[in-house]
N, C-alpha and C. Protein backbone atom coordinates (compact mmCIF):
# COMPACT_ATOMS: atom_id res chain seq x y z
N UNK A 1 0.85 -1.18 0.00
CA UNK A 1 0.00 0.00 0.00
C UNK A 1 0.89 1.24 0.00
N UNK A 2 0.59 2.17 -0.90
CA UNK A 2 1.31 3.44 -0.92
C UNK A 2 0.99 4.23 0.33
N UNK A 3 1.93 5.07 0.76
CA UNK A 3 1.69 5.90 1.94
C UNK A 3 1.66 7.36 1.54
N UNK A 4 0.91 8.13 2.33
CA UNK A 4 0.69 9.54 2.05
C UNK A 4 0.77 10.34 3.34
N UNK A 5 0.88 11.66 3.17
CA UNK A 5 0.86 12.58 4.30
C UNK A 5 -0.21 13.62 4.04
N UNK A 6 -0.79 14.11 5.11
CA UNK A 6 -1.76 15.19 5.04
C UNK A 6 -1.10 16.44 5.60
N UNK A 7 -1.18 17.52 4.86
CA UNK A 7 -0.65 18.80 5.30
C UNK A 7 -1.77 19.81 5.47
N UNK A 8 -1.71 20.55 6.56
CA UNK A 8 -2.72 21.57 6.86
C UNK A 8 -1.99 22.88 7.12
N UNK A 9 -2.34 23.90 6.36
CA UNK A 9 -1.73 25.22 6.53
C UNK A 9 -2.84 26.21 6.90
N UNK A 10 -2.89 26.54 8.17
CA UNK A 10 -3.92 27.45 8.69
C UNK A 10 -3.38 28.87 8.59
N UNK A 11 -4.14 29.73 7.93
CA UNK A 11 -3.74 31.12 7.81
C UNK A 11 -4.86 32.04 8.28
N UNK A 12 -4.55 33.29 8.39
CA UNK A 12 -5.52 34.25 8.87
C UNK A 12 -6.73 34.42 7.97
N UNK A 13 -6.55 34.26 6.66
CA UNK A 13 -7.66 34.44 5.73
C UNK A 13 -8.02 33.16 4.98
N UNK A 14 -7.03 32.27 4.77
CA UNK A 14 -7.33 31.03 4.07
C UNK A 14 -6.57 29.87 4.71
N UNK A 15 -7.13 28.68 4.55
CA UNK A 15 -6.55 27.45 5.08
C UNK A 15 -6.46 26.45 3.94
N UNK A 16 -5.29 25.83 3.80
CA UNK A 16 -5.08 24.82 2.75
C UNK A 16 -4.96 23.45 3.40
N UNK A 17 -5.57 22.46 2.77
CA UNK A 17 -5.51 21.07 3.21
C UNK A 17 -5.08 20.27 1.99
N UNK A 18 -3.99 19.51 2.11
CA UNK A 18 -3.49 18.78 0.96
C UNK A 18 -2.96 17.41 1.30
N UNK A 19 -3.03 16.52 0.34
CA UNK A 19 -2.45 15.18 0.46
C UNK A 19 -1.20 15.14 -0.40
N UNK A 20 -0.14 14.55 0.16
CA UNK A 20 1.17 14.47 -0.50
C UNK A 20 1.64 13.03 -0.53
N UNK A 21 2.33 12.65 -1.60
CA UNK A 21 2.85 11.29 -1.69
C UNK A 21 4.15 11.18 -0.89
N UNK A 22 4.75 9.99 -0.90
CA UNK A 22 5.95 9.73 -0.11
C UNK A 22 7.14 10.59 -0.55
N UNK A 23 7.12 11.09 -1.78
CA UNK A 23 8.18 11.97 -2.26
C UNK A 23 7.88 13.44 -2.04
N UNK A 24 6.84 13.73 -1.24
CA UNK A 24 6.39 15.09 -0.93
C UNK A 24 5.85 15.83 -2.14
N UNK A 25 5.34 15.10 -3.11
CA UNK A 25 4.69 15.72 -4.26
C UNK A 25 3.20 15.83 -3.95
N UNK A 26 2.64 16.97 -4.28
CA UNK A 26 1.23 17.20 -4.01
C UNK A 26 0.36 16.29 -4.89
N UNK A 27 -0.56 15.58 -4.22
CA UNK A 27 -1.52 14.76 -4.94
C UNK A 27 -2.75 15.62 -5.25
N UNK A 28 -3.27 16.27 -4.22
CA UNK A 28 -4.43 17.15 -4.39
C UNK A 28 -4.53 18.05 -3.17
N UNK A 29 -5.02 19.27 -3.43
CA UNK A 29 -5.15 20.26 -2.36
C UNK A 29 -6.44 21.03 -2.53
N UNK A 30 -6.99 21.45 -1.42
CA UNK A 30 -8.16 22.32 -1.43
C UNK A 30 -7.86 23.50 -0.50
N UNK A 31 -8.34 24.67 -0.89
CA UNK A 31 -8.18 25.87 -0.07
C UNK A 31 -9.56 26.37 0.31
N UNK A 32 -9.71 26.70 1.58
CA UNK A 32 -10.99 27.19 2.07
C UNK A 32 -10.78 28.46 2.88
N UNK A 33 -11.77 29.33 2.95
CA UNK A 33 -11.62 30.53 3.77
C UNK A 33 -11.54 30.13 5.24
N UNK A 34 -10.66 30.76 5.99
CA UNK A 34 -10.48 30.41 7.40
C UNK A 34 -11.69 30.80 8.24
N UNK A 35 -12.24 31.95 8.00
CA UNK A 35 -13.41 32.45 8.73
C UNK A 35 -13.21 32.37 10.26
N UNK A 36 -12.18 33.04 10.78
CA UNK A 36 -11.89 32.94 12.21
C UNK A 36 -13.03 33.39 13.12
N UNK A 37 -13.91 34.23 12.61
CA UNK A 37 -15.04 34.70 13.42
C UNK A 37 -15.95 33.55 13.83
N UNK A 38 -15.89 32.41 13.12
CA UNK A 38 -16.72 31.25 13.45
C UNK A 38 -16.11 30.39 14.55
N UNK A 39 -14.85 30.66 14.92
CA UNK A 39 -14.20 29.94 16.01
C UNK A 39 -13.30 28.82 15.53
N UNK A 40 -12.43 28.41 16.43
CA UNK A 40 -11.42 27.40 16.12
C UNK A 40 -12.05 26.03 15.89
N UNK A 41 -13.00 25.64 16.71
CA UNK A 41 -13.63 24.32 16.54
C UNK A 41 -14.34 24.21 15.20
N UNK A 42 -14.99 25.26 14.76
CA UNK A 42 -15.68 25.24 13.47
C UNK A 42 -14.66 25.13 12.34
N UNK A 43 -13.53 25.83 12.46
CA UNK A 43 -12.48 25.72 11.45
C UNK A 43 -12.01 24.27 11.36
N UNK A 44 -11.77 23.65 12.50
CA UNK A 44 -11.31 22.26 12.51
C UNK A 44 -12.36 21.33 11.89
N UNK A 45 -13.63 21.59 12.16
CA UNK A 45 -14.70 20.78 11.56
C UNK A 45 -14.64 20.89 10.03
N UNK A 46 -14.42 22.11 9.52
CA UNK A 46 -14.34 22.30 8.07
C UNK A 46 -13.07 21.69 7.49
N UNK A 47 -11.97 21.71 8.25
CA UNK A 47 -10.74 21.03 7.82
C UNK A 47 -11.02 19.53 7.68
N UNK A 48 -11.74 18.97 8.66
CA UNK A 48 -12.11 17.56 8.59
C UNK A 48 -12.95 17.25 7.36
N UNK A 49 -13.88 18.12 7.04
CA UNK A 49 -14.70 17.93 5.84
C UNK A 49 -13.86 17.97 4.57
N UNK A 50 -12.89 18.88 4.53
CA UNK A 50 -12.00 18.98 3.37
C UNK A 50 -11.15 17.72 3.25
N UNK A 51 -10.66 17.22 4.37
CA UNK A 51 -9.86 15.98 4.39
C UNK A 51 -10.66 14.81 3.84
N UNK A 52 -11.88 14.64 4.32
CA UNK A 52 -12.72 13.53 3.86
C UNK A 52 -13.07 13.68 2.36
N UNK A 53 -13.28 14.91 1.91
CA UNK A 53 -13.55 15.14 0.49
C UNK A 53 -12.32 14.78 -0.35
N UNK A 54 -11.13 15.13 0.13
CA UNK A 54 -9.90 14.79 -0.59
C UNK A 54 -9.74 13.27 -0.70
N UNK A 55 -10.04 12.56 0.37
CA UNK A 55 -9.95 11.10 0.33
C UNK A 55 -10.90 10.54 -0.73
N UNK A 56 -12.13 11.04 -0.75
CA UNK A 56 -13.11 10.57 -1.74
C UNK A 56 -12.64 10.88 -3.16
N UNK A 57 -12.18 12.11 -3.39
CA UNK A 57 -11.80 12.55 -4.73
C UNK A 57 -10.57 11.83 -5.27
N UNK A 58 -9.65 11.47 -4.38
CA UNK A 58 -8.41 10.82 -4.81
C UNK A 58 -8.51 9.30 -4.77
N UNK A 59 -9.51 8.78 -4.05
CA UNK A 59 -9.62 7.33 -3.89
C UNK A 59 -8.62 6.76 -2.90
N UNK A 60 -7.96 7.62 -2.15
CA UNK A 60 -6.99 7.17 -1.15
C UNK A 60 -7.75 6.76 0.11
N UNK A 61 -7.40 5.61 0.67
CA UNK A 61 -8.03 5.13 1.89
C UNK A 61 -7.38 5.80 3.10
N UNK A 62 -8.18 6.15 4.09
CA UNK A 62 -7.68 6.84 5.29
C UNK A 62 -6.46 6.15 5.92
N UNK A 63 -6.40 4.81 6.01
CA UNK A 63 -5.22 4.18 6.62
C UNK A 63 -3.91 4.45 5.87
N UNK A 64 -4.00 4.87 4.61
CA UNK A 64 -2.79 5.19 3.85
C UNK A 64 -2.19 6.54 4.24
N UNK A 65 -2.95 7.35 4.97
CA UNK A 65 -2.43 8.63 5.48
C UNK A 65 -1.65 8.32 6.75
N UNK A 66 -0.32 8.29 6.63
CA UNK A 66 0.52 7.86 7.75
C UNK A 66 0.97 9.00 8.64
N UNK A 67 0.90 10.23 8.14
CA UNK A 67 1.31 11.35 8.98
C UNK A 67 0.48 12.58 8.64
N UNK A 68 0.30 13.41 9.67
CA UNK A 68 -0.45 14.66 9.51
C UNK A 68 0.37 15.77 10.16
N UNK A 69 0.61 16.82 9.40
CA UNK A 69 1.30 17.99 9.92
C UNK A 69 0.43 19.21 9.75
N UNK A 70 0.37 20.03 10.79
CA UNK A 70 -0.40 21.27 10.74
C UNK A 70 0.51 22.44 11.04
N UNK A 71 0.43 23.46 10.22
CA UNK A 71 1.17 24.70 10.42
C UNK A 71 0.16 25.79 10.71
N UNK A 72 0.47 26.59 11.73
CA UNK A 72 -0.48 27.59 12.21
C UNK A 72 0.27 28.80 12.73
N UNK A 73 -0.30 30.00 12.54
CA UNK A 73 0.33 31.17 13.15
C UNK A 73 0.31 31.04 14.66
N UNK A 74 1.07 31.82 15.32
CA UNK A 74 1.16 31.72 16.78
C UNK A 74 1.01 33.07 17.44
N UNK A 75 1.40 33.07 18.69
CA UNK A 75 2.24 32.08 19.36
C UNK A 75 1.49 30.79 19.70
N UNK A 76 2.30 29.69 19.71
CA UNK A 76 1.81 28.36 20.01
C UNK A 76 2.56 27.80 21.21
N UNK A 77 1.97 26.85 21.89
CA UNK A 77 2.66 26.03 22.89
C UNK A 77 2.79 24.66 22.26
N UNK A 78 3.96 24.35 21.72
CA UNK A 78 4.14 23.12 20.98
C UNK A 78 4.14 21.89 21.88
N UNK A 79 4.51 22.05 23.13
CA UNK A 79 4.46 20.92 24.07
C UNK A 79 3.01 20.50 24.33
N UNK A 80 2.13 21.47 24.44
CA UNK A 80 0.72 21.19 24.70
C UNK A 80 -0.08 21.02 23.41
N UNK A 81 0.52 21.39 22.27
CA UNK A 81 -0.20 21.32 21.01
C UNK A 81 -1.33 22.33 20.95
N UNK A 82 -1.06 23.51 21.50
CA UNK A 82 -2.14 24.48 21.66
C UNK A 82 -1.77 25.85 21.10
N UNK A 83 -2.81 26.55 20.70
CA UNK A 83 -2.68 27.95 20.33
C UNK A 83 -2.66 28.74 21.63
N UNK A 84 -1.66 29.59 21.80
CA UNK A 84 -1.63 30.49 22.96
C UNK A 84 -2.54 31.67 22.68
N UNK A 85 -2.25 32.37 21.58
CA UNK A 85 -3.09 33.51 21.19
C UNK A 85 -2.71 33.93 19.79
N UNK A 86 -3.68 33.97 18.91
CA UNK A 86 -3.45 34.49 17.56
C UNK A 86 -4.28 35.77 17.46
N UNK A 87 -3.64 36.92 17.71
CA UNK A 87 -4.39 38.18 17.73
C UNK A 87 -5.16 38.46 16.45
N UNK A 88 -4.60 38.12 15.29
CA UNK A 88 -5.27 38.41 14.03
C UNK A 88 -6.50 37.54 13.79
N UNK A 89 -6.62 36.45 14.55
CA UNK A 89 -7.74 35.53 14.36
C UNK A 89 -8.68 35.50 15.57
N UNK A 90 -8.21 36.02 16.71
CA UNK A 90 -9.03 36.00 17.91
C UNK A 90 -9.03 34.66 18.63
N UNK A 91 -8.16 33.73 18.23
CA UNK A 91 -8.08 32.44 18.90
C UNK A 91 -7.17 32.57 20.11
N UNK A 92 -7.62 32.05 21.25
CA UNK A 92 -6.82 32.10 22.48
C UNK A 92 -7.05 30.81 23.26
N UNK A 93 -5.95 30.21 23.72
CA UNK A 93 -6.00 29.01 24.56
C UNK A 93 -6.85 27.90 23.93
N UNK A 94 -6.54 27.57 22.69
CA UNK A 94 -7.27 26.52 21.97
C UNK A 94 -6.38 25.29 21.83
N UNK A 95 -6.83 24.12 22.31
CA UNK A 95 -6.04 22.88 22.17
C UNK A 95 -6.14 22.33 20.74
N UNK A 96 -5.49 22.98 19.81
CA UNK A 96 -5.64 22.70 18.39
C UNK A 96 -5.34 21.25 18.04
N UNK A 97 -4.25 20.70 18.57
CA UNK A 97 -3.90 19.31 18.24
C UNK A 97 -4.99 18.37 18.71
N UNK A 98 -5.51 18.58 19.89
CA UNK A 98 -6.59 17.73 20.40
C UNK A 98 -7.80 17.79 19.47
N UNK A 99 -8.20 19.00 19.07
CA UNK A 99 -9.33 19.15 18.16
C UNK A 99 -9.09 18.41 16.84
N UNK A 100 -7.89 18.62 16.25
CA UNK A 100 -7.58 18.01 14.97
C UNK A 100 -7.53 16.49 15.07
N UNK A 101 -6.92 15.98 16.13
CA UNK A 101 -6.82 14.53 16.28
C UNK A 101 -8.19 13.89 16.44
N UNK A 102 -9.08 14.55 17.14
CA UNK A 102 -10.44 14.03 17.28
C UNK A 102 -11.16 14.04 15.93
N UNK A 103 -11.00 15.13 15.20
CA UNK A 103 -11.70 15.28 13.92
C UNK A 103 -11.16 14.35 12.84
N UNK A 104 -9.84 14.21 12.78
CA UNK A 104 -9.20 13.46 11.70
C UNK A 104 -8.93 12.00 12.06
N UNK A 105 -9.01 11.68 13.33
CA UNK A 105 -8.70 10.33 13.83
C UNK A 105 -7.29 9.92 13.43
N UNK A 106 -6.37 10.86 13.57
CA UNK A 106 -4.95 10.67 13.26
C UNK A 106 -4.13 11.48 14.24
N UNK A 107 -2.90 11.03 14.49
CA UNK A 107 -1.96 11.81 15.28
C UNK A 107 -1.52 13.01 14.45
N UNK A 108 -1.43 14.18 15.08
CA UNK A 108 -1.12 15.41 14.37
C UNK A 108 0.12 16.07 14.97
N UNK A 109 1.06 16.46 14.13
CA UNK A 109 2.22 17.24 14.54
C UNK A 109 1.92 18.70 14.22
N UNK A 110 2.18 19.58 15.17
CA UNK A 110 1.91 21.01 15.01
C UNK A 110 3.22 21.80 14.99
N UNK A 111 3.27 22.81 14.13
CA UNK A 111 4.41 23.72 14.10
C UNK A 111 3.93 25.11 13.72
N UNK A 112 4.65 26.11 14.17
CA UNK A 112 4.40 27.49 13.77
C UNK A 112 4.55 27.58 12.25
N UNK A 113 3.66 28.28 11.60
CA UNK A 113 3.66 28.32 10.14
C UNK A 113 4.94 28.88 9.54
N UNK A 114 5.48 29.91 10.12
CA UNK A 114 6.70 30.50 9.56
C UNK A 114 7.92 29.64 9.84
N UNK A 115 7.94 28.96 10.98
CA UNK A 115 9.02 28.00 11.25
C UNK A 115 8.96 26.86 10.24
N UNK A 116 7.76 26.37 9.95
CA UNK A 116 7.61 25.30 8.97
C UNK A 116 8.09 25.77 7.60
N UNK A 117 7.78 27.00 7.24
CA UNK A 117 8.22 27.54 5.96
C UNK A 117 9.75 27.63 5.90
N UNK A 118 10.37 28.06 7.01
CA UNK A 118 11.83 28.13 7.05
C UNK A 118 12.45 26.75 6.87
N UNK A 119 11.87 25.75 7.53
CA UNK A 119 12.38 24.39 7.39
C UNK A 119 12.22 23.89 5.95
N UNK A 120 11.06 24.12 5.36
CA UNK A 120 10.84 23.68 3.97
C UNK A 120 11.80 24.37 3.01
N UNK A 121 12.05 25.65 3.21
CA UNK A 121 13.02 26.35 2.34
C UNK A 121 14.41 25.75 2.51
N UNK A 122 14.76 25.33 3.74
CA UNK A 122 16.10 24.79 3.97
C UNK A 122 16.26 23.38 3.39
N UNK A 123 15.16 22.67 3.21
CA UNK A 123 15.21 21.31 2.70
C UNK A 123 14.93 21.26 1.20
N UNK A 124 13.92 22.01 0.73
CA UNK A 124 13.47 21.91 -0.66
C UNK A 124 13.69 23.17 -1.50
N UNK A 125 13.86 24.31 -0.86
CA UNK A 125 13.82 25.58 -1.57
C UNK A 125 15.16 26.21 -1.82
N UNK A 126 15.14 27.53 -1.87
CA UNK A 126 16.36 28.29 -2.17
C UNK A 126 17.42 28.16 -1.09
N UNK A 127 17.03 27.74 0.11
CA UNK A 127 17.99 27.57 1.19
C UNK A 127 18.62 26.19 1.23
N UNK A 128 18.26 25.34 0.29
CA UNK A 128 18.81 23.98 0.27
C UNK A 128 20.33 24.04 0.20
N UNK A 129 20.98 23.33 1.11
CA UNK A 129 22.44 23.31 1.14
C UNK A 129 23.04 24.36 2.05
N UNK A 130 22.25 25.31 2.52
CA UNK A 130 22.75 26.33 3.43
C UNK A 130 22.57 25.85 4.87
N UNK A 131 23.45 26.28 5.76
CA UNK A 131 23.31 25.85 7.15
C UNK A 131 22.30 26.70 7.91
N UNK A 132 22.06 27.92 7.47
CA UNK A 132 21.13 28.81 8.18
C UNK A 132 20.15 29.44 7.19
N UNK A 133 18.86 29.32 7.51
CA UNK A 133 17.82 29.94 6.70
C UNK A 133 16.91 30.73 7.63
N UNK A 134 16.72 32.00 7.32
CA UNK A 134 15.79 32.85 8.05
C UNK A 134 14.68 33.22 7.08
N UNK A 135 13.46 32.97 7.51
CA UNK A 135 12.30 33.17 6.64
C UNK A 135 11.39 34.19 7.31
N UNK A 136 11.09 35.27 6.59
CA UNK A 136 10.20 36.30 7.11
C UNK A 136 8.95 36.32 6.25
N UNK A 137 7.80 36.34 6.90
CA UNK A 137 6.54 36.42 6.17
C UNK A 137 5.79 37.67 6.60
N UNK A 138 5.22 38.33 5.60
CA UNK A 138 4.35 39.48 5.86
C UNK A 138 3.06 39.18 5.13
N UNK A 139 2.04 38.86 5.91
CA UNK A 139 0.75 38.47 5.34
C UNK A 139 -0.32 39.04 6.25
N UNK A 140 -1.25 38.21 6.69
CA UNK A 140 -2.24 38.68 7.67
C UNK A 140 -1.52 39.13 8.93
N UNK A 141 -0.44 38.45 9.27
CA UNK A 141 0.44 38.82 10.37
C UNK A 141 1.87 38.87 9.88
N UNK A 142 2.81 39.18 10.78
CA UNK A 142 4.23 39.23 10.47
C UNK A 142 4.90 38.14 11.28
N UNK A 143 5.75 37.33 10.64
CA UNK A 143 6.41 36.26 11.36
C UNK A 143 7.81 36.03 10.83
N UNK A 144 8.61 35.35 11.66
CA UNK A 144 9.98 35.01 11.29
C UNK A 144 10.28 33.62 11.82
N UNK A 145 10.83 32.76 10.97
CA UNK A 145 11.24 31.43 11.37
C UNK A 145 12.70 31.22 11.03
N UNK A 146 13.36 30.38 11.82
CA UNK A 146 14.78 30.11 11.63
C UNK A 146 15.00 28.60 11.56
N UNK A 147 15.69 28.16 10.52
CA UNK A 147 16.11 26.77 10.40
C UNK A 147 17.63 26.75 10.38
N UNK A 148 18.21 25.95 11.26
CA UNK A 148 19.66 25.81 11.33
C UNK A 148 20.00 24.34 11.11
N UNK A 149 20.78 24.08 10.08
CA UNK A 149 21.16 22.72 9.71
C UNK A 149 19.93 21.81 9.58
N UNK A 150 18.93 22.34 8.88
CA UNK A 150 17.70 21.61 8.56
C UNK A 150 16.89 21.22 9.80
N UNK A 151 17.02 22.02 10.85
CA UNK A 151 16.19 21.84 12.04
C UNK A 151 15.65 23.20 12.46
N UNK A 152 14.41 23.20 12.93
CA UNK A 152 13.78 24.44 13.38
C UNK A 152 14.36 24.85 14.72
N UNK A 153 14.67 26.14 14.83
CA UNK A 153 15.07 26.69 16.12
C UNK A 153 13.81 27.26 16.78
N UNK A 154 13.34 26.57 17.80
CA UNK A 154 12.12 27.02 18.48
C UNK A 154 12.41 28.04 19.57
N UNK A 155 13.50 27.86 20.30
CA UNK A 155 13.87 28.81 21.34
C UNK A 155 12.99 28.73 22.57
N UNK A 156 13.23 29.66 23.49
CA UNK A 156 12.47 29.74 24.72
C UNK A 156 11.02 30.06 24.41
N UNK A 157 10.12 29.34 25.03
CA UNK A 157 8.68 29.55 24.85
C UNK A 157 8.28 29.48 23.37
N UNK A 158 9.06 28.71 22.58
CA UNK A 158 8.78 28.52 21.16
C UNK A 158 8.71 29.86 20.43
N UNK A 159 9.57 30.81 20.80
CA UNK A 159 9.47 32.15 20.24
C UNK A 159 10.74 32.62 19.54
N UNK A 160 11.66 31.71 19.22
CA UNK A 160 12.87 32.12 18.50
C UNK A 160 12.47 32.76 17.18
N UNK A 161 13.08 33.87 16.86
CA UNK A 161 12.82 34.54 15.60
C UNK A 161 11.60 35.44 15.58
N UNK A 162 10.78 35.37 16.62
CA UNK A 162 9.58 36.21 16.63
C UNK A 162 10.01 37.67 16.63
N UNK A 163 9.38 38.45 15.81
CA UNK A 163 9.77 39.84 15.62
C UNK A 163 9.15 40.79 16.63
N UNK A 164 8.18 40.32 17.37
CA UNK A 164 7.50 41.20 18.31
C UNK A 164 6.18 41.64 17.76
N UNK A 165 5.69 42.73 18.26
CA UNK A 165 4.37 43.21 17.86
C UNK A 165 4.53 44.38 16.90
N UNK A 166 4.10 44.17 15.67
CA UNK A 166 4.17 45.21 14.66
C UNK A 166 2.77 45.53 14.18
N UNK A 167 2.54 46.78 13.95
CA UNK A 167 1.31 47.19 13.29
C UNK A 167 1.69 47.55 11.88
N UNK A 168 1.15 46.82 10.91
CA UNK A 168 1.46 47.05 9.51
C UNK A 168 0.29 47.78 8.89
N UNK A 169 0.57 48.96 8.33
CA UNK A 169 -0.49 49.77 7.71
C UNK A 169 -0.30 49.71 6.20
């Protein structure tokens, strides 16, 4: 049986859910509006619906999904698998991993979205072969992630690279 991974990218305005093959090639992806005003649990419910639709559309059986990774803005508590507070979305103290695992019936790994982007750039992107990659994102929020020797630097309180509080006009 072929194996696959599910990737979830939660953003302030849109959320992407995709299935990837063992070589990290995208099989199929769907993007949905995040709609943070509806709450974190509702977002997770819609992520679950997108996941089940992807399985139906691709013909992939759920047991073939061997890993699930979720990237989300923060700050996050990665030990607890929880959102601490996402000011741009209004989410605070949400046990995101618990919600996702219940909805998807799979173990879920959580990482800060910009840290995940830094790691991906260091492994697959323009940073491939470099020992240090710093990734800055300016989108719904502002973030910075650092990958050193193809590993994420989380730092104290999972806040390495965080730029602080910026108001972008």
